[in-house]
């Protein structure tokens, strides 16, 4: 374990962490869990896909409108394929 500290941390930081673990293991472990809890959302791939899904799903759902022929962005039928399809989600 001490070999890992030599390569990853300078001598002062490694000595501090080793000393903290020896004196107060419960506080050290709780701080480590807290730091992991703060850092995990930034490094997790789940965060990326959650953001992509949230961008694709509309916050306000559209009210059905009657197509008068002058609305090219409104599909005439709900099954008509216009707009974004979630193909990237189906390929996961």
PDB file of N, CA and C in Angstrom:
ATOM      1  N   UNK A   1       0.826  -1.194   0.000  1.00  0.00           N
ATOM      2  CA  UNK A   1       0.000   0.000   0.000  1.00  0.00           C
ATOM      3  C   UNK A   1       0.866   1.251   0.000  1.00  0.00           C
ATOM      4  N   UNK A   2       1.959   1.234   0.738  1.00  0.00           N
ATOM      5  CA  UNK A   2       2.809   2.421   0.794  1.00  0.00           C
ATOM      6  C   UNK A   2       3.500   2.671  -0.544  1.00  0.00           C
ATOM      7  N   UNK A   3       3.715   1.624  -1.348  1.00  0.00           N
ATOM      8  CA  UNK A   3       4.312   1.805  -2.670  1.00  0.00           C
ATOM      9  C   UNK A   3       3.359   2.615  -3.557  1.00  0.00           C
ATOM     10  N   UNK A   4       2.070   2.392  -3.412  1.00  0.00           N
ATOM     11  CA  UNK A   4       1.078   3.141  -4.170  1.00  0.00           C
ATOM     12  C   UNK A   4       1.130   4.623  -3.825  1.00  0.00           C
ATOM     13  N   UNK A   5       1.287   4.938  -2.544  1.00  0.00           N
ATOM     14  CA  UNK A   5       1.366   6.335  -2.118  1.00  0.00           C
ATOM     15  C   UNK A   5       2.600   7.023  -2.687  1.00  0.00           C
ATOM     16  N   UNK A   6       3.712   6.305  -2.795  1.00  0.00           N
ATOM     17  CA  UNK A   6       4.949   6.907  -3.296  1.00  0.00           C
ATOM     18  C   UNK A   6       4.777   7.343  -4.748  1.00  0.00           C
ATOM     19  N   UNK A   7       4.077   6.539  -5.552  1.00  0.00           N
ATOM     20  CA  UNK A   7       3.927   6.861  -6.960  1.00  0.00           C
ATOM     21  C   UNK A   7       2.830   7.887  -7.221  1.00  0.00           C
ATOM     22  N   UNK A   8       1.767   7.866  -6.439  1.00  0.00           N
ATOM     23  CA  UNK A   8       0.635   8.739  -6.721  1.00  0.00           C
ATOM     24  C   UNK A   8       0.710  10.088  -6.025  1.00  0.00           C
ATOM     25  N   UNK A   9       1.301  10.149  -4.850  1.00  0.00           N
ATOM     26  CA  UNK A   9       1.283  11.367  -4.057  1.00  0.00           C
ATOM     27  C   UNK A   9       2.695  11.776  -3.669  1.00  0.00           C
ATOM     28  N   UNK A  10       2.914  13.064  -3.477  1.00  0.00           N
ATOM     29  CA  UNK A  10       4.183  13.495  -2.894  1.00  0.00           C
ATOM     30  C   UNK A  10       4.307  12.963  -1.463  1.00  0.00           C
ATOM     31  N   UNK A  11       5.499  13.019  -0.926  1.00  0.00           N
ATOM     32  CA  UNK A  11       5.769  12.418   0.386  1.00  0.00           C
ATOM     33  C   UNK A  11       4.899  13.012   1.486  1.00  0.00           C
ATOM     34  N   UNK A  12       4.683  14.306   1.473  1.00  0.00           N
ATOM     35  CA  UNK A  12       3.901  14.947   2.528  1.00  0.00           C
ATOM     36  C   UNK A  12       2.440  14.526   2.514  1.00  0.00           C
ATOM     37  N   UNK A  13       1.866  14.423   1.325  1.00  0.00           N
ATOM     38  CA  UNK A  13       0.460  14.039   1.218  1.00  0.00           C
ATOM     39  C   UNK A  13       0.287  12.577   1.604  1.00  0.00           C
ATOM     40  N   UNK A  14       1.192  11.735   1.145  1.00  0.00           N
ATOM     41  CA  UNK A  14       1.124  10.320   1.500  1.00  0.00           C
ATOM     42  C   UNK A  14       1.269  10.098   2.991  1.00  0.00           C
ATOM     43  N   UNK A  15       2.192  10.820   3.612  1.00  0.00           N
ATOM     44  CA  UNK A  15       2.377  10.696   5.062  1.00  0.00           C
ATOM     45  C   UNK A  15       1.139  11.187   5.805  1.00  0.00           C
ATOM     46  N   UNK A  16       0.548  12.274   5.321  1.00  0.00           N
ATOM     47  CA  UNK A  16      -0.664  12.790   5.969  1.00  0.00           C
ATOM     48  C   UNK A  16      -1.807  11.783   5.876  1.00  0.00           C
ATOM     49  N   UNK A  17      -2.017  11.207   4.687  1.00  0.00           N
ATOM     50  CA  UNK A  17      -3.101  10.247   4.523  1.00  0.00           C
ATOM     51  C   UNK A  17      -2.875   8.991   5.357  1.00  0.00           C
ATOM     52  N   UNK A  18      -1.647   8.522   5.400  1.00  0.00           N
ATOM     53  CA  UNK A  18      -1.339   7.338   6.202  1.00  0.00           C
ATOM     54  C   UNK A  18      -1.551   7.630   7.678  1.00  0.00           C
ATOM     55  N   UNK A  19      -1.119   8.798   8.128  1.00  0.00           N
ATOM     56  CA  UNK A  19      -1.295   9.188   9.521  1.00  0.00           C
ATOM     57  C   UNK A  19      -2.783   9.341   9.855  1.00  0.00           C
ATOM     58  N   UNK A  20      -3.540   9.957   8.966  1.00  0.00           N
ATOM     59  CA  UNK A  20      -4.976  10.132   9.202  1.00  0.00           C
ATOM     60  C   UNK A  20      -5.688   8.786   9.261  1.00  0.00           C
ATOM     61  N   UNK A  21      -5.302   7.855   8.403  1.00  0.00           N
ATOM     62  CA  UNK A  21      -5.915   6.527   8.426  1.00  0.00           C
ATOM     63  C   UNK A  21      -5.583   5.795   9.721  1.00  0.00           C
ATOM     64  N   UNK A  22      -4.355   5.944  10.203  1.00  0.00           N
ATOM     65  CA  UNK A  22      -3.954   5.265  11.437  1.00  0.00           C
ATOM     66  C   UNK A  22      -4.631   5.857  12.664  1.00  0.00           C
ATOM     67  N   UNK A  23      -4.838   7.174  12.691  1.00  0.00           N
ATOM     68  CA  UNK A  23      -5.408   7.815  13.877  1.00  0.00           C
ATOM     69  C   UNK A  23      -6.931   7.779  13.893  1.00  0.00           C
ATOM     70  N   UNK A  24      -7.555   8.115  12.784  1.00  0.00           N
ATOM     71  CA  UNK A  24      -9.020   8.221  12.727  1.00  0.00           C
ATOM     72  C   UNK A  24      -9.554   7.533  11.465  1.00  0.00           C
ATOM     73  N   UNK A  25      -9.632   6.199  11.471  1.00  0.00           N
ATOM     74  CA  UNK A  25     -10.075   5.510  10.250  1.00  0.00           C
ATOM     75  C   UNK A  25     -11.537   5.787   9.881  1.00  0.00           C
ATOM     76  N   UNK A  26     -12.396   6.009  10.884  1.00  0.00           N
ATOM     77  CA  UNK A  26     -13.811   6.247  10.583  1.00  0.00           C
ATOM     78  C   UNK A  26     -13.990   7.600   9.895  1.00  0.00           C
ATOM     79  N   UNK A  27     -13.338   8.618  10.414  1.00  0.00           N
ATOM     80  CA  UNK A  27     -13.433   9.948   9.809  1.00  0.00           C
ATOM     81  C   UNK A  27     -12.792   9.944   8.423  1.00  0.00           C
ATOM     82  N   UNK A  28     -11.667   9.265   8.298  1.00  0.00           N
ATOM     83  CA  UNK A  28     -10.989   9.168   7.006  1.00  0.00           C
ATOM     84  C   UNK A  28     -11.888   8.475   5.980  1.00  0.00           C
ATOM     85  N   UNK A  29     -12.510   7.365   6.380  1.00  0.00           N
ATOM     86  CA  UNK A  29     -13.382   6.631   5.459  1.00  0.00           C
ATOM     87  C   UNK A  29     -14.607   7.464   5.081  1.00  0.00           C
ATOM     88  N   UNK A  30     -15.182   8.178   6.048  1.00  0.00           N
ATOM     89  CA  UNK A  30     -16.357   8.989   5.734  1.00  0.00           C
ATOM     90  C   UNK A  30     -15.994  10.140   4.792  1.00  0.00           C
ATOM     91  N   UNK A  31     -14.826  10.733   4.972  1.00  0.00           N
ATOM     92  CA  UNK A  31     -14.379  11.791   4.052  1.00  0.00           C
ATOM     93  C   UNK A  31     -14.132  11.225   2.653  1.00  0.00           C
ATOM     94  N   UNK A  32     -13.552  10.026   2.591  1.00  0.00           N
ATOM     95  CA  UNK A  32     -13.304   9.399   1.291  1.00  0.00           C
ATOM     96  C   UNK A  32     -14.622   9.096   0.582  1.00  0.00           C
ATOM     97  N   UNK A  33     -15.610   8.582   1.313  1.00  0.00           N
ATOM     98  CA  UNK A  33     -16.916   8.293   0.720  1.00  0.00           C
ATOM     99  C   UNK A  33     -17.580   9.584   0.249  1.00  0.00           C
ATOM    100  N   UNK A  34     -17.457  10.645   1.043  1.00  0.00           N
ATOM    101  CA  UNK A  34     -18.025  11.934   0.650  1.00  0.00           C
ATOM    102  C   UNK A  34     -17.383  12.483  -0.611  1.00  0.00           C
ATOM    103  N   UNK A  35     -16.057  12.373  -0.717  1.00  0.00           N
ATOM    104  CA  UNK A  35     -15.363  12.858  -1.919  1.00  0.00           C
ATOM    105  C   UNK A  35     -15.738  12.038  -3.151  1.00  0.00           C
ATOM    106  N   UNK A  36     -15.887  10.737  -2.964  1.00  0.00           N
ATOM    107  CA  UNK A  36     -16.309   9.890  -4.079  1.00  0.00           C
ATOM    108  C   UNK A  36     -17.733  10.256  -4.502  1.00  0.00           C
ATOM    109  N   UNK A  37     -18.597  10.524  -3.514  1.00  0.00           N
ATOM    110  CA  UNK A  37     -19.971  10.908  -3.823  1.00  0.00           C
ATOM    111  C   UNK A  37     -20.066  12.218  -4.578  1.00  0.00           C
ATOM    112  N   UNK A  38     -19.160  13.139  -4.298  1.00  0.00           N
ATOM    113  CA  UNK A  38     -19.154  14.419  -5.011  1.00  0.00           C
ATOM    114  C   UNK A  38     -18.578  14.244  -6.417  1.00  0.00           C
ATOM    115  N   UNK A  39     -17.553  13.419  -6.563  1.00  0.00           N
ATOM    116  CA  UNK A  39     -16.868  13.278  -7.851  1.00  0.00           C
ATOM    117  C   UNK A  39     -17.574  12.322  -8.808  1.00  0.00           C
ATOM    118  N   UNK A  40     -18.312  11.358  -8.293  1.00  0.00           N
ATOM    119  CA  UNK A  40     -18.891  10.318  -9.143  1.00  0.00           C
ATOM    120  C   UNK A  40     -19.839  10.842 -10.222  1.00  0.00           C
ATOM    121  N   UNK A  41     -20.730  11.785  -9.949  1.00  0.00           N
ATOM    122  CA  UNK A  41     -21.603  12.261 -11.037  1.00  0.00           C
ATOM    123  C   UNK A  41     -20.850  12.890 -12.211  1.00  0.00           C
ATOM    124  N   UNK A  42     -19.691  13.448 -11.968  1.00  0.00           N
ATOM    125  CA  UNK A  42     -18.938  14.087 -13.043  1.00  0.00           C
ATOM    126  C   UNK A  42     -18.192  13.080 -13.912  1.00  0.00           C
ATOM    127  N   UNK A  43     -17.891  11.893 -13.374  1.00  0.00           N
ATOM    128  CA  UNK A  43     -17.135  10.907 -14.139  1.00  0.00           C
ATOM    129  C   UNK A  43     -17.987   9.727 -14.589  1.00  0.00           C
ATOM    130  N   UNK A  44     -19.259   9.702 -14.223  1.00  0.00           N
ATOM    131  CA  UNK A  44     -20.122   8.574 -14.545  1.00  0.00           C
ATOM    132  C   UNK A  44     -20.691   8.703 -15.958  1.00  0.00           C
ATOM    133  N   UNK A  45     -20.683   7.611 -16.729  1.00  0.00           N
ATOM    134  CA  UNK A  45     -21.305   7.671 -18.063  1.00  0.00           C
ATOM    135  C   UNK A  45     -22.824   7.771 -17.989  1.00  0.00           C
ATOM    136  N   UNK A  46     -23.409   7.391 -16.866  1.00  0.00           N
ATOM    137  CA  UNK A  46     -24.860   7.490 -16.716  1.00  0.00           C
ATOM    138  C   UNK A  46     -25.293   8.947 -16.801  1.00  0.00           C
ATOM    139  N   UNK A  47     -24.475   9.855 -16.285  1.00  0.00           N
ATOM    140  CA  UNK A  47     -24.795  11.282 -16.327  1.00  0.00           C
ATOM    141  C   UNK A  47     -24.913  11.764 -17.768  1.00  0.00           C
ATOM    142  N   UNK A  48     -24.041  11.279 -18.631  1.00  0.00           N
ATOM    143  CA  UNK A  48     -24.069  11.679 -20.042  1.00  0.00           C
ATOM    144  C   UNK A  48     -25.378  11.255 -20.698  1.00  0.00           C
ATOM    145  N   UNK A  49     -25.763   9.996 -20.517  1.00  0.00           N
ATOM    146  CA  UNK A  49     -26.972   9.496 -21.161  1.00  0.00           C
ATOM    147  C   UNK A  49     -28.231  10.093 -20.546  1.00  0.00           C
ATOM    148  N   UNK A  50     -28.213  10.389 -19.266  1.00  0.00           N
ATOM    149  CA  UNK A  50     -29.353  11.052 -18.635  1.00  0.00           C
ATOM    150  C   UNK A  50     -29.548  12.437 -19.227  1.00  0.00           C
ATOM    151  N   UNK A  51     -28.457  13.155 -19.433  1.00  0.00           N
ATOM    152  CA  UNK A  51     -28.548  14.475 -20.053  1.00  0.00           C
ATOM    153  C   UNK A  51     -29.062  14.404 -21.477  1.00  0.00           C
ATOM    154  N   UNK A  52     -28.631  13.408 -22.232  1.00  0.00           N
ATOM    155  CA  UNK A  52     -29.093  13.261 -23.613  1.00  0.00           C
ATOM    156  C   UNK A  52     -30.590  12.954 -23.658  1.00  0.00           C
ATOM    157  N   UNK A  53     -31.061  12.117 -22.750  1.00  0.00           N
ATOM    158  CA  UNK A  53     -32.487  11.791 -22.705  1.00  0.00           C
ATOM    159  C   UNK A  53     -33.291  13.015 -22.289  1.00  0.00           C
ATOM    160  N   UNK A  54     -32.799  13.768 -21.318  1.00  0.00           N
ATOM    161  CA  UNK A  54     -33.512  14.961 -20.867  1.00  0.00           C
ATOM    162  C   UNK A  54     -33.587  16.025 -21.956  1.00  0.00           C
ATOM    163  N   UNK A  55     -32.571  16.110 -22.812  1.00  0.00           N
ATOM    164  CA  UNK A  55     -32.618  17.064 -23.922  1.00  0.00           C
ATOM    165  C   UNK A  55     -33.617  16.630 -24.989  1.00  0.00           C
ATOM    166  N   UNK A  56     -33.773  15.327 -25.180  1.00  0.00           N
ATOM    167  CA  UNK A  56     -34.654  14.825 -26.233  1.00  0.00           C
ATOM    168  C   UNK A  56     -36.125  14.873 -25.833  1.00  0.00           C
ATOM    169  N   UNK A  57     -36.414  14.736 -24.553  1.00  0.00           N
ATOM    170  CA  UNK A  57     -37.800  14.724 -24.088  1.00  0.00           C
ATOM    171  C   UNK A  57     -38.247  16.161 -23.857  1.00  0.00           C
ATOM    172  N   UNK A  58     -39.350  16.570 -24.461  1.00  0.00           N
ATOM    173  CA  UNK A  58     -39.796  17.955 -24.274  1.00  0.00           C
ATOM    174  C   UNK A  58     -40.334  18.188 -22.871  1.00  0.00           C
ATOM    175  N   UNK A  59     -40.112  19.387 -22.376  1.00  0.00           N
ATOM    176  CA  UNK A  59     -40.628  19.738 -21.050  1.00  0.00           C
ATOM    177  C   UNK A  59     -42.122  20.022 -21.136  1.00  0.00           C
ATOM    178  N   UNK A  60     -42.530  20.760 -22.145  1.00  0.00           N
ATOM    179  CA  UNK A  60     -43.948  21.031 -22.383  1.00  0.00           C
ATOM    180  C   UNK A  60     -44.383  20.227 -23.601  1.00  0.00           C
ATOM    181  N   UNK A  61     -45.334  19.363 -23.404  1.00  0.00           N
ATOM    182  CA  UNK A  61     -45.806  18.549 -24.508  1.00  0.00           C
ATOM    183  C   UNK A  61     -46.750  19.368 -25.385  1.00  0.00           C
ATOM    184  N   UNK A  62     -46.670  19.190 -26.695  1.00  0.00           N
ATOM    185  CA  UNK A  62     -47.490  20.019 -27.589  1.00  0.00           C
ATOM    186  C   UNK A  62     -48.972  19.656 -27.507  1.00  0.00           C
ATOM    187  N   UNK A  63     -49.784  20.661 -27.729  1.00  0.00           N
ATOM    188  CA  UNK A  63     -51.227  20.465 -27.791  1.00  0.00           C
ATOM    189  C   UNK A  63     -51.561  20.025 -29.211  1.00  0.00           C
ATOM    190  N   UNK A  64     -52.417  19.032 -29.366  1.00  0.00           N
ATOM    191  CA  UNK A  64     -52.773  18.617 -30.731  1.00  0.00           C
ATOM    192  C   UNK A  64     -53.412  19.765 -31.513  1.00  0.00           C
ATOM    193  N   UNK A  65     -52.957  19.952 -32.742  1.00  0.00           N
ATOM    194  CA  UNK A  65     -53.496  21.008 -33.596  1.00  0.00           C
ATOM    195  C   UNK A  65     -54.046  20.382 -34.870  1.00  0.00           C
ATOM    196  N   UNK A  66     -54.971  21.086 -35.481  1.00  0.00           N
ATOM    197  CA  UNK A  66     -55.531  20.617 -36.745  1.00  0.00           C
ATOM    198  C   UNK A  66     -54.638  21.151 -37.867  1.00  0.00           C
ATOM    199  N   UNK A  67     -54.165  20.247 -38.708  1.00  0.00           N
ATOM    200  CA  UNK A  67     -53.262  20.624 -39.795  1.00  0.00           C
ATOM    201  C   UNK A  67     -54.056  21.287 -40.917  1.00  0.00           C
ATOM    202  N   UNK A  68     -53.684  22.526 -41.232  1.00  0.00           N
ATOM    203  CA  UNK A  68     -54.349  23.227 -42.329  1.00  0.00           C
ATOM    204  C   UNK A  68     -53.496  23.244 -43.600  1.00  0.00           C
ATOM    205  N   UNK A  69     -52.406  22.504 -43.615  1.00  0.00           N
ATOM    206  CA  UNK A  69     -51.552  22.428 -44.788  1.00  0.00           C
ATOM    207  C   UNK A  69     -50.417  23.426 -44.788  1.00  0.00           C
ATOM    208  N   UNK A  70     -50.423  24.399 -43.893  1.00  0.00           N
ATOM    209  CA  UNK A  70     -49.371  25.409 -43.841  1.00  0.00           C
ATOM    210  C   UNK A  70     -48.385  25.175 -42.698  1.00  0.00           C
ATOM    211  N   UNK A  71     -48.414  24.004 -42.125  1.00  0.00           N
ATOM    212  CA  UNK A  71     -47.525  23.720 -40.990  1.00  0.00           C
ATOM    213  C   UNK A  71     -46.626  22.537 -41.342  1.00  0.00           C
ATOM    214  N   UNK A  72     -45.480  22.793 -41.972  1.00  0.00           N
ATOM    215  CA  UNK A  72     -44.628  21.679 -42.402  1.00  0.00           C
ATOM    216  C   UNK A  72     -43.960  20.944 -41.250  1.00  0.00           C
ATOM    217  N   UNK A  73     -43.823  21.587 -40.098  1.00  0.00           N
ATOM    218  CA  UNK A  73     -43.129  20.936 -38.987  1.00  0.00           C
ATOM    219  C   UNK A  73     -44.072  20.127 -38.107  1.00  0.00           C
ATOM    220  N   UNK A  74     -45.377  20.197 -38.361  1.00  0.00           N
ATOM    221  CA  UNK A  74     -46.344  19.444 -37.567  1.00  0.00           C
ATOM    222  C   UNK A  74     -46.763  18.222 -38.367  1.00  0.00           C
ATOM    223  N   UNK A  75     -46.565  17.021 -37.839  1.00  0.00           N
ATOM    224  CA  UNK A  75     -46.984  15.832 -38.583  1.00  0.00           C
ATOM    225  C   UNK A  75     -48.509  15.758 -38.688  1.00  0.00           C
ATOM    226  N   UNK A  76     -48.991  15.244 -39.808  1.00  0.00           N
ATOM    227  CA  UNK A  76     -50.432  15.109 -40.008  1.00  0.00           C
ATOM    228  C   UNK A  76     -50.998  13.997 -39.140  1.00  0.00           C
ATOM    229  N   UNK A  77     -50.161  13.024 -38.827  1.00  0.00           N
ATOM    230  CA  UNK A  77     -50.591  11.888 -38.011  1.00  0.00           C
ATOM    231  C   UNK A  77     -49.507  11.607 -36.984  1.00  0.00           C
ATOM    232  N   UNK A  78     -49.862  11.142 -35.782  1.00  0.00           N
ATOM    233  CA  UNK A  78     -48.831  10.881 -34.760  1.00  0.00           C
ATOM    234  C   UNK A  78     -47.778   9.856 -35.165  1.00  0.00           C
ATOM    235  N   UNK A  79     -48.130   8.942 -36.064  1.00  0.00           N
ATOM    236  CA  UNK A  79     -47.157   7.926 -36.490  1.00  0.00           C
ATOM    237  C   UNK A  79     -46.235   8.410 -37.603  1.00  0.00           C
ATOM    238  N   UNK A  80     -46.483   9.598 -38.132  1.00  0.00           N
ATOM    239  CA  UNK A  80     -45.641  10.137 -39.200  1.00  0.00           C
ATOM    240  C   UNK A  80     -44.275  10.498 -38.628  1.00  0.00           C
ATOM    241  N   UNK A  81     -43.225  10.077 -39.323  1.00  0.00           N
ATOM    242  CA  UNK A  81     -41.873  10.291 -38.807  1.00  0.00           C
ATOM    243  C   UNK A  81     -41.355  11.655 -39.220  1.00  0.00           C
ATOM    244  N   UNK A  82     -41.492  12.624 -38.338  1.00  0.00           N
ATOM    245  CA  UNK A  82     -40.902  13.955 -38.517  1.00  0.00           C
ATOM    246  C   UNK A  82     -40.199  14.314 -37.226  1.00  0.00           C
ATOM    247  N   UNK A  83     -39.153  15.083 -37.353  1.00  0.00           N
ATOM    248  CA  UNK A  83     -38.435  15.507 -36.162  1.00  0.00           C
ATOM    249  C   UNK A  83     -37.425  14.469 -35.712  1.00  0.00           C
ATOM    250  N   UNK A  84     -36.903  14.685 -34.508  1.00  0.00           N
ATOM    251  CA  UNK A  84     -35.859  13.805 -33.985  1.00  0.00           C
ATOM    252  C   UNK A  84     -36.439  12.448 -33.613  1.00  0.00           C
ATOM    253  N   UNK A  85     -35.749  11.439 -34.001  1.00  0.00           N
ATOM    254  CA  UNK A  85     -36.049  10.090 -33.544  1.00  0.00           C
ATOM    255  C   UNK A  85     -34.940   9.701 -32.594  1.00  0.00           C
ATOM    256  N   UNK A  86     -35.265   8.919 -31.637  1.00  0.00           N
ATOM    257  CA  UNK A  86     -34.279   8.545 -30.619  1.00  0.00           C
ATOM    258  C   UNK A  86     -33.534   7.277 -31.033  1.00  0.00           C
ATOM    259  N   UNK A  87     -32.966   7.299 -32.235  1.00  0.00           N
ATOM    260  CA  UNK A  87     -32.227   6.134 -32.719  1.00  0.00           C
ATOM    261  C   UNK A  87     -31.008   5.849 -31.852  1.00  0.00           C
ATOM    262  N   UNK A  88     -30.347   6.895 -31.381  1.00  0.00           N
ATOM    263  CA  UNK A  88     -29.159   6.696 -30.541  1.00  0.00           C
ATOM    264  C   UNK A  88     -29.537   5.983 -29.251  1.00  0.00           C
ATOM    265  N   UNK A  89     -30.779   6.203 -28.770  1.00  0.00           N
ATOM    266  CA  UNK A  89     -31.208   5.538 -27.543  1.00  0.00           C
ATOM    267  C   UNK A  89     -31.518   4.070 -27.810  1.00  0.00           C
ATOM    268  N   UNK A  90     -32.062   3.777 -28.989  1.00  0.00           N
ATOM    269  CA  UNK A  90     -32.386   2.396 -29.332  1.00  0.00           C
ATOM    270  C   UNK A  90     -31.127   1.567 -29.568  1.00  0.00           C
ATOM    271  N   UNK A  91     -30.022   2.215 -29.947  1.00  0.00           N
ATOM    272  CA  UNK A  91     -28.780   1.500 -30.253  1.00  0.00           C
ATOM    273  C   UNK A  91     -27.932   1.215 -29.022  1.00  0.00           C
ATOM    274  N   UNK A  92     -28.341   1.704 -27.860  1.00  0.00           N
ATOM    275  CA  UNK A  92     -27.524   1.493 -26.653  1.00  0.00           C
ATOM    276  C   UNK A  92     -27.457   0.058 -26.260  1.00  0.00           C
TER     277      UNK A  92
END
